[in-house]
Amino acid sequence: MTAVEFQATIREDGAIFVPQEYTETAGKNVRVILLLNEKENDVNEDKYAFDAAKIDTVGFVFDREAANAR
């Protein structure tokens, strides 16, 4: 199962707009979980998000055994 998160406003008819980038889900069964803000002025998590992060991984070798060594 893949998790996708986006913010939306529930319309008067109960519909929720799904962003364009998730239109491949049309016709598929999905599980929907609503997380309601306690207050209208809840902290906007977007202001703490990064715009972009770029990491150069060229030449990086991952050693699973070393990572799991205790």
PDB file of N, CA and C in Angstrom:
ATOM      1  N   MET A   1       0.844  -1.173   0.000  1.00  0.00           N
ATOM      2  CA  MET A   1       0.000   0.000   0.000  1.00  0.00           C
ATOM      3  C   MET A   1       0.892   1.240   0.000  1.00  0.00           C
ATOM      4  N   THR A   2       0.538   2.207  -0.783  1.00  0.00           N
ATOM      5  CA  THR A   2       1.275   3.461  -0.884  1.00  0.00           C
ATOM      6  C   THR A   2       0.491   4.556  -0.187  1.00  0.00           C
ATOM      7  N   ALA A   3       1.155   5.370   0.605  1.00  0.00           N
ATOM      8  CA  ALA A   3       0.503   6.491   1.289  1.00  0.00           C
ATOM      9  C   ALA A   3       0.761   7.777   0.527  1.00  0.00           C
ATOM     10  N   VAL A   4      -0.277   8.578   0.371  1.00  0.00           N
ATOM     11  CA  VAL A   4      -0.194   9.869  -0.302  1.00  0.00           C
ATOM     12  C   VAL A   4      -0.841  10.883   0.616  1.00  0.00           C
ATOM     13  N   GLU A   5      -0.226  12.038   0.758  1.00  0.00           N
ATOM     14  CA  GLU A   5      -0.789  13.069   1.629  1.00  0.00           C
ATOM     15  C   GLU A   5      -0.959  14.365   0.860  1.00  0.00           C
ATOM     16  N   PHE A   6      -2.104  15.001   1.034  1.00  0.00           N
ATOM     17  CA  PHE A   6      -2.347  16.340   0.489  1.00  0.00           C
ATOM     18  C   PHE A   6      -3.435  16.979   1.327  1.00  0.00           C
ATOM     19  N   GLN A   7      -3.519  18.289   1.270  1.00  0.00           N
ATOM     20  CA  GLN A   7      -4.543  19.008   2.016  1.00  0.00           C
ATOM     21  C   GLN A   7      -5.675  19.371   1.077  1.00  0.00           C
ATOM     22  N   ALA A   8      -6.901  19.303   1.580  1.00  0.00           N
ATOM     23  CA  ALA A   8      -8.071  19.616   0.775  1.00  0.00           C
ATOM     24  C   ALA A   8      -9.167  20.156   1.682  1.00  0.00           C
ATOM     25  N   THR A   9     -10.122  20.809   1.082  1.00  0.00           N
ATOM     26  CA  THR A   9     -11.308  21.278   1.780  1.00  0.00           C
ATOM     27  C   THR A   9     -12.491  20.448   1.298  1.00  0.00           C
ATOM     28  N   ILE A  10     -13.268  19.941   2.240  1.00  0.00           N
ATOM     29  CA  ILE A  10     -14.443  19.150   1.876  1.00  0.00           C
ATOM     30  C   ILE A  10     -15.531  20.106   1.405  1.00  0.00           C
ATOM     31  N   ARG A  11     -16.052  19.864   0.198  1.00  0.00           N
ATOM     32  CA  ARG A  11     -17.095  20.717  -0.360  1.00  0.00           C
ATOM     33  C   ARG A  11     -18.418  20.458   0.342  1.00  0.00           C
ATOM     34  N   GLU A  12     -19.372  21.323   0.110  1.00  0.00           N
ATOM     35  CA  GLU A  12     -20.701  21.201   0.711  1.00  0.00           C
ATOM     36  C   GLU A  12     -21.377  19.875   0.348  1.00  0.00           C
ATOM     37  N   ASP A  13     -21.091  19.355  -0.848  1.00  0.00           N
ATOM     38  CA  ASP A  13     -21.702  18.085  -1.270  1.00  0.00           C
ATOM     39  C   ASP A  13     -20.914  16.874  -0.773  1.00  0.00           C
ATOM     40  N   GLY A  14     -19.873  17.110   0.040  1.00  0.00           N
ATOM     41  CA  GLY A  14     -19.085  16.024   0.604  1.00  0.00           C
ATOM     42  C   GLY A  14     -17.919  15.581  -0.252  1.00  0.00           C
ATOM     43  N   ALA A  15     -17.753  16.181  -1.413  1.00  0.00           N
ATOM     44  CA  ALA A  15     -16.664  15.785  -2.320  1.00  0.00           C
ATOM     45  C   ALA A  15     -15.337  16.406  -1.875  1.00  0.00           C
ATOM     46  N   ILE A  16     -14.267  15.708  -2.171  1.00  0.00           N
ATOM     47  CA  ILE A  16     -12.910  16.196  -1.923  1.00  0.00           C
ATOM     48  C   ILE A  16     -12.180  16.200  -3.248  1.00  0.00           C
ATOM     49  N   PHE A  17     -11.563  17.314  -3.595  1.00  0.00           N
ATOM     50  CA  PHE A  17     -10.793  17.418  -4.826  1.00  0.00           C
ATOM     51  C   PHE A  17      -9.476  16.669  -4.651  1.00  0.00           C
ATOM     52  N   VAL A  18      -9.189  15.755  -5.565  1.00  0.00           N
ATOM     53  CA  VAL A  18      -7.927  15.016  -5.565  1.00  0.00           C
ATOM     54  C   VAL A  18      -7.011  15.698  -6.574  1.00  0.00           C
ATOM     55  N   PRO A  19      -5.795  16.092  -6.162  1.00  0.00           N
ATOM     56  CA  PRO A  19      -4.888  16.784  -7.074  1.00  0.00           C
ATOM     57  C   PRO A  19      -4.605  15.998  -8.350  1.00  0.00           C
ATOM     58  N   GLN A  20      -4.324  16.718  -9.409  1.00  0.00           N
ATOM     59  CA  GLN A  20      -4.113  16.163 -10.747  1.00  0.00           C
ATOM     60  C   GLN A  20      -3.069  15.049 -10.770  1.00  0.00           C
ATOM     61  N   GLU A  21      -2.016  15.182  -9.963  1.00  0.00           N
ATOM     62  CA  GLU A  21      -0.938  14.180 -10.010  1.00  0.00           C
ATOM     63  C   GLU A  21      -1.377  12.809  -9.487  1.00  0.00           C
ATOM     64  N   TYR A  22      -2.569  12.706  -8.896  1.00  0.00           N
ATOM     65  CA  TYR A  22      -3.055  11.419  -8.397  1.00  0.00           C
ATOM     66  C   TYR A  22      -4.236  10.889  -9.207  1.00  0.00           C
ATOM     67  N   THR A  23      -4.402  11.365 -10.425  1.00  0.00           N
ATOM     68  CA  THR A  23      -5.535  10.915 -11.234  1.00  0.00           C
ATOM     69  C   THR A  23      -5.423   9.451 -11.648  1.00  0.00           C
ATOM     70  N   GLU A  24      -4.239   8.853 -11.545  1.00  0.00           N
ATOM     71  CA  GLU A  24      -4.106   7.434 -11.881  1.00  0.00           C
ATOM     72  C   GLU A  24      -4.875   6.563 -10.892  1.00  0.00           C
ATOM     73  N   THR A  25      -5.325   7.139  -9.788  1.00  0.00           N
ATOM     74  CA  THR A  25      -6.102   6.379  -8.805  1.00  0.00           C
ATOM     75  C   THR A  25      -7.574   6.296  -9.173  1.00  0.00           C
ATOM     76  N   ALA A  26      -7.997   6.979 -10.232  1.00  0.00           N
ATOM     77  CA  ALA A  26      -9.412   6.947 -10.634  1.00  0.00           C
ATOM     78  C   ALA A  26      -9.844   5.521 -10.920  1.00  0.00           C
ATOM     79  N   GLY A  27     -10.946   5.119 -10.325  1.00  0.00           N
ATOM     80  CA  GLY A  27     -11.478   3.784 -10.539  1.00  0.00           C
ATOM     81  C   GLY A  27     -10.870   2.725  -9.629  1.00  0.00           C
ATOM     82  N   LYS A  28      -9.872   3.085  -8.837  1.00  0.00           N
ATOM     83  CA  LYS A  28      -9.240   2.127  -7.930  1.00  0.00           C
ATOM     84  C   LYS A  28      -9.829   2.265  -6.531  1.00  0.00           C
ATOM     85  N   ASN A  29      -9.785   1.176  -5.774  1.00  0.00           N
ATOM     86  CA  ASN A  29     -10.191   1.232  -4.378  1.00  0.00           C
ATOM     87  C   ASN A  29      -9.087   1.888  -3.568  1.00  0.00           C
ATOM     88  N   VAL A  30      -9.458   2.821  -2.715  1.00  0.00           N
ATOM     89  CA  VAL A  30      -8.498   3.497  -1.852  1.00  0.00           C
ATOM     90  C   VAL A  30      -9.043   3.537  -0.436  1.00  0.00           C
ATOM     91  N   ARG A  31      -8.153   3.686   0.516  1.00  0.00           N
ATOM     92  CA  ARG A  31      -8.556   3.870   1.903  1.00  0.00           C
ATOM     93  C   ARG A  31      -8.345   5.346   2.222  1.00  0.00           C
ATOM     94  N   VAL A  32      -9.350   5.978   2.773  1.00  0.00           N
ATOM     95  CA  VAL A  32      -9.283   7.410   3.067  1.00  0.00           C
ATOM     96  C   VAL A  32      -9.320   7.601   4.574  1.00  0.00           C
ATOM     97  N   ILE A  33      -8.390   8.387   5.093  1.00  0.00           N
ATOM     98  CA  ILE A  33      -8.344   8.719   6.511  1.00  0.00           C
ATOM     99  C   ILE A  33      -8.419  10.236   6.614  1.00  0.00           C
ATOM    100  N   LEU A  34      -9.386  10.747   7.344  1.00  0.00           N
ATOM    101  CA  LEU A  34      -9.509  12.194   7.539  1.00  0.00           C
ATOM    102  C   LEU A  34      -8.837  12.585   8.834  1.00  0.00           C
ATOM    103  N   LEU A  35      -7.942  13.554   8.764  1.00  0.00           N
ATOM    104  CA  LEU A  35      -7.319  14.143   9.949  1.00  0.00           C
ATOM    105  C   LEU A  35      -7.815  15.573  10.028  1.00  0.00           C
ATOM    106  N   LEU A  36      -8.724  15.826  10.956  1.00  0.00           N
ATOM    107  CA  LEU A  36      -9.336  17.142  11.066  1.00  0.00           C
ATOM    108  C   LEU A  36      -8.506  18.049  11.958  1.00  0.00           C
ATOM    109  N   ASN A  37      -8.319  19.297  11.525  1.00  0.00           N
ATOM    110  CA  ASN A  37      -7.633  20.285  12.347  1.00  0.00           C
ATOM    111  C   ASN A  37      -8.511  20.610  13.548  1.00  0.00           C
ATOM    112  N   GLU A  38      -7.901  20.681  14.732  1.00  0.00           N
ATOM    113  CA  GLU A  38      -8.651  21.029  15.934  1.00  0.00           C
ATOM    114  C   GLU A  38      -9.147  22.468  15.863  1.00  0.00           C
ATOM    115  N   LYS A  39      -8.312  23.345  15.304  1.00  0.00           N
ATOM    116  CA  LYS A  39      -8.653  24.760  15.176  1.00  0.00           C
ATOM    117  C   LYS A  39      -8.428  25.168  13.728  1.00  0.00           C
ATOM    118  N   GLU A  40      -9.115  26.173  13.302  1.00  0.00           N
ATOM    119  CA  GLU A  40      -8.919  26.693  11.941  1.00  0.00           C
ATOM    120  C   GLU A  40      -7.502  27.195  11.752  1.00  0.00           C
ATOM    121  N   ASN A  41      -6.900  27.737  12.803  1.00  0.00           N
ATOM    122  CA  ASN A  41      -5.567  28.341  12.700  1.00  0.00           C
ATOM    123  C   ASN A  41      -4.482  27.385  13.174  1.00  0.00           C
ATOM    124  N   ASP A  42      -4.689  26.074  12.967  1.00  0.00           N
ATOM    125  CA  ASP A  42      -3.658  25.108  13.324  1.00  0.00           C
ATOM    126  C   ASP A  42      -2.350  25.455  12.622  1.00  0.00           C
ATOM    127  N   VAL A  43      -1.257  25.016  13.191  1.00  0.00           N
ATOM    128  CA  VAL A  43       0.055  25.277  12.600  1.00  0.00           C
ATOM    129  C   VAL A  43       0.091  24.714  11.190  1.00  0.00           C
ATOM    130  N   ASN A  44       0.495  25.527  10.247  1.00  0.00           N
ATOM    131  CA  ASN A  44       0.622  25.091   8.863  1.00  0.00           C
ATOM    132  C   ASN A  44       1.944  24.353   8.729  1.00  0.00           C
ATOM    133  N   GLU A  45       1.884  23.036   8.548  1.00  0.00           N
ATOM    134  CA  GLU A  45       3.094  22.228   8.477  1.00  0.00           C
ATOM    135  C   GLU A  45       3.944  22.563   7.268  1.00  0.00           C
ATOM    136  N   ASP A  46       3.336  23.156   6.222  1.00  0.00           N
ATOM    137  CA  ASP A  46       4.078  23.477   5.013  1.00  0.00           C
ATOM    138  C   ASP A  46       5.210  24.459   5.269  1.00  0.00           C
ATOM    139  N   LYS A  47       5.076  25.323   6.240  1.00  0.00           N
ATOM    140  CA  LYS A  47       6.133  26.312   6.464  1.00  0.00           C
ATOM    141  C   LYS A  47       7.398  25.667   7.024  1.00  0.00           C
ATOM    142  N   TYR A  48       7.287  24.415   7.486  1.00  0.00           N
ATOM    143  CA  TYR A  48       8.451  23.713   7.998  1.00  0.00           C
ATOM    144  C   TYR A  48       9.035  22.742   6.971  1.00  0.00           C
ATOM    145  N   ALA A  49       8.415  22.647   5.822  1.00  0.00           N
ATOM    146  CA  ALA A  49       8.858  21.700   4.799  1.00  0.00           C
ATOM    147  C   ALA A  49       9.981  22.309   3.956  1.00  0.00           C
ATOM    148  N   PHE A  50      10.840  21.458   3.443  1.00  0.00           N
ATOM    149  CA  PHE A  50      11.894  21.893   2.542  1.00  0.00           C
ATOM    150  C   PHE A  50      11.322  22.052   1.142  1.00  0.00           C
ATOM    151  N   ASP A  51      11.814  23.027   0.399  1.00  0.00           N
ATOM    152  CA  ASP A  51      11.396  23.175  -0.985  1.00  0.00           C
ATOM    153  C   ASP A  51      12.030  22.086  -1.842  1.00  0.00           C
ATOM    154  N   ALA A  52      13.297  21.832  -1.619  1.00  0.00           N
ATOM    155  CA  ALA A  52      13.987  20.800  -2.386  1.00  0.00           C
ATOM    156  C   ALA A  52      15.258  20.408  -1.652  1.00  0.00           C
ATOM    157  N   ALA A  53      15.673  19.204  -1.861  1.00  0.00           N
ATOM    158  CA  ALA A  53      16.934  18.731  -1.308  1.00  0.00           C
ATOM    159  C   ALA A  53      17.628  17.922  -2.391  1.00  0.00           C
ATOM    160  N   LYS A  54      18.873  18.229  -2.623  1.00  0.00           N
ATOM    161  CA  LYS A  54      19.624  17.510  -3.647  1.00  0.00           C
ATOM    162  C   LYS A  54      20.868  16.931  -2.995  1.00  0.00           C
ATOM    163  N   ILE A  55      21.034  15.636  -3.130  1.00  0.00           N
ATOM    164  CA  ILE A  55      22.180  14.952  -2.551  1.00  0.00           C
ATOM    165  C   ILE A  55      22.892  14.216  -3.670  1.00  0.00           C
ATOM    166  N   ASP A  56      24.179  14.478  -3.809  1.00  0.00           N
ATOM    167  CA  ASP A  56      24.962  13.802  -4.842  1.00  0.00           C
ATOM    168  C   ASP A  56      25.377  12.436  -4.312  1.00  0.00           C
ATOM    169  N   THR A  57      24.821  11.375  -4.878  1.00  0.00           N
ATOM    170  CA  THR A  57      25.123  10.017  -4.428  1.00  0.00           C
ATOM    171  C   THR A  57      26.041   9.271  -5.389  1.00  0.00           C
ATOM    172  N   VAL A  58      26.630   9.992  -6.332  1.00  0.00           N
ATOM    173  CA  VAL A  58      27.548   9.359  -7.273  1.00  0.00           C
ATOM    174  C   VAL A  58      28.749   8.834  -6.490  1.00  0.00           C
ATOM    175  N   GLY A  59      29.052   7.588  -6.675  1.00  0.00           N
ATOM    176  CA  GLY A  59      30.188   6.980  -6.002  1.00  0.00           C
ATOM    177  C   GLY A  59      29.868   6.460  -4.611  1.00  0.00           C
ATOM    178  N   PHE A  60      28.644   6.647  -4.139  1.00  0.00           N
ATOM    179  CA  PHE A  60      28.264   6.158  -2.820  1.00  0.00           C
ATOM    180  C   PHE A  60      28.022   4.663  -2.889  1.00  0.00           C
ATOM    181  N   VAL A  61      28.639   3.932  -1.985  1.00  0.00           N
ATOM    182  CA  VAL A  61      28.456   2.484  -1.919  1.00  0.00           C
ATOM    183  C   VAL A  61      27.791   2.167  -0.595  1.00  0.00           C
ATOM    184  N   PHE A  62      26.627   1.540  -0.644  1.00  0.00           N
ATOM    185  CA  PHE A  62      25.905   1.177   0.562  1.00  0.00           C
ATOM    186  C   PHE A  62      26.300  -0.225   0.988  1.00  0.00           C
ATOM    187  N   ASP A  63      26.767  -0.352   2.203  1.00  0.00           N
ATOM    188  CA  ASP A  63      27.161  -1.643   2.747  1.00  0.00           C
ATOM    189  C   ASP A  63      26.155  -2.028   3.829  1.00  0.00           C
ATOM    190  N   ARG A  64      25.211  -2.917   3.479  1.00  0.00           N
ATOM    191  CA  ARG A  64      24.149  -3.315   4.392  1.00  0.00           C
ATOM    192  C   ARG A  64      24.709  -3.923   5.682  1.00  0.00           C
ATOM    193  N   GLU A  65      25.741  -4.741   5.568  1.00  0.00           N
ATOM    194  CA  GLU A  65      26.323  -5.368   6.753  1.00  0.00           C
ATOM    195  C   GLU A  65      26.895  -4.328   7.702  1.00  0.00           C
ATOM    196  N   ALA A  66      27.587  -3.331   7.172  1.00  0.00           N
ATOM    197  CA  ALA A  66      28.148  -2.278   8.023  1.00  0.00           C
ATOM    198  C   ALA A  66      27.041  -1.440   8.657  1.00  0.00           C
ATOM    199  N   ALA A  67      25.974  -1.193   7.910  1.00  0.00           N
ATOM    200  CA  ALA A  67      24.871  -0.398   8.426  1.00  0.00           C
ATOM    201  C   ALA A  67      24.145  -1.132   9.557  1.00  0.00           C
ATOM    202  N   ASN A  68      24.072  -2.446   9.480  1.00  0.00           N
ATOM    203  CA  ASN A  68      23.357  -3.223  10.484  1.00  0.00           C
ATOM    204  C   ASN A  68      24.249  -3.748  11.594  1.00  0.00           C
ATOM    205  N   ALA A  69      25.554  -3.477  11.529  1.00  0.00           N
ATOM    206  CA  ALA A  69      26.479  -3.961  12.554  1.00  0.00           C
ATOM    207  C   ALA A  69      26.142  -3.315  13.898  1.00  0.00           C
ATOM    208  N   ARG A  70      26.245  -4.092  14.923  1.00  0.00           N
ATOM    209  CA  ARG A  70      25.933  -3.569  16.272  1.00  0.00           C
ATOM    210  C   ARG A  70      27.152  -3.603  17.134  1.00  0.00           C
TER     211      ARG A  70
END
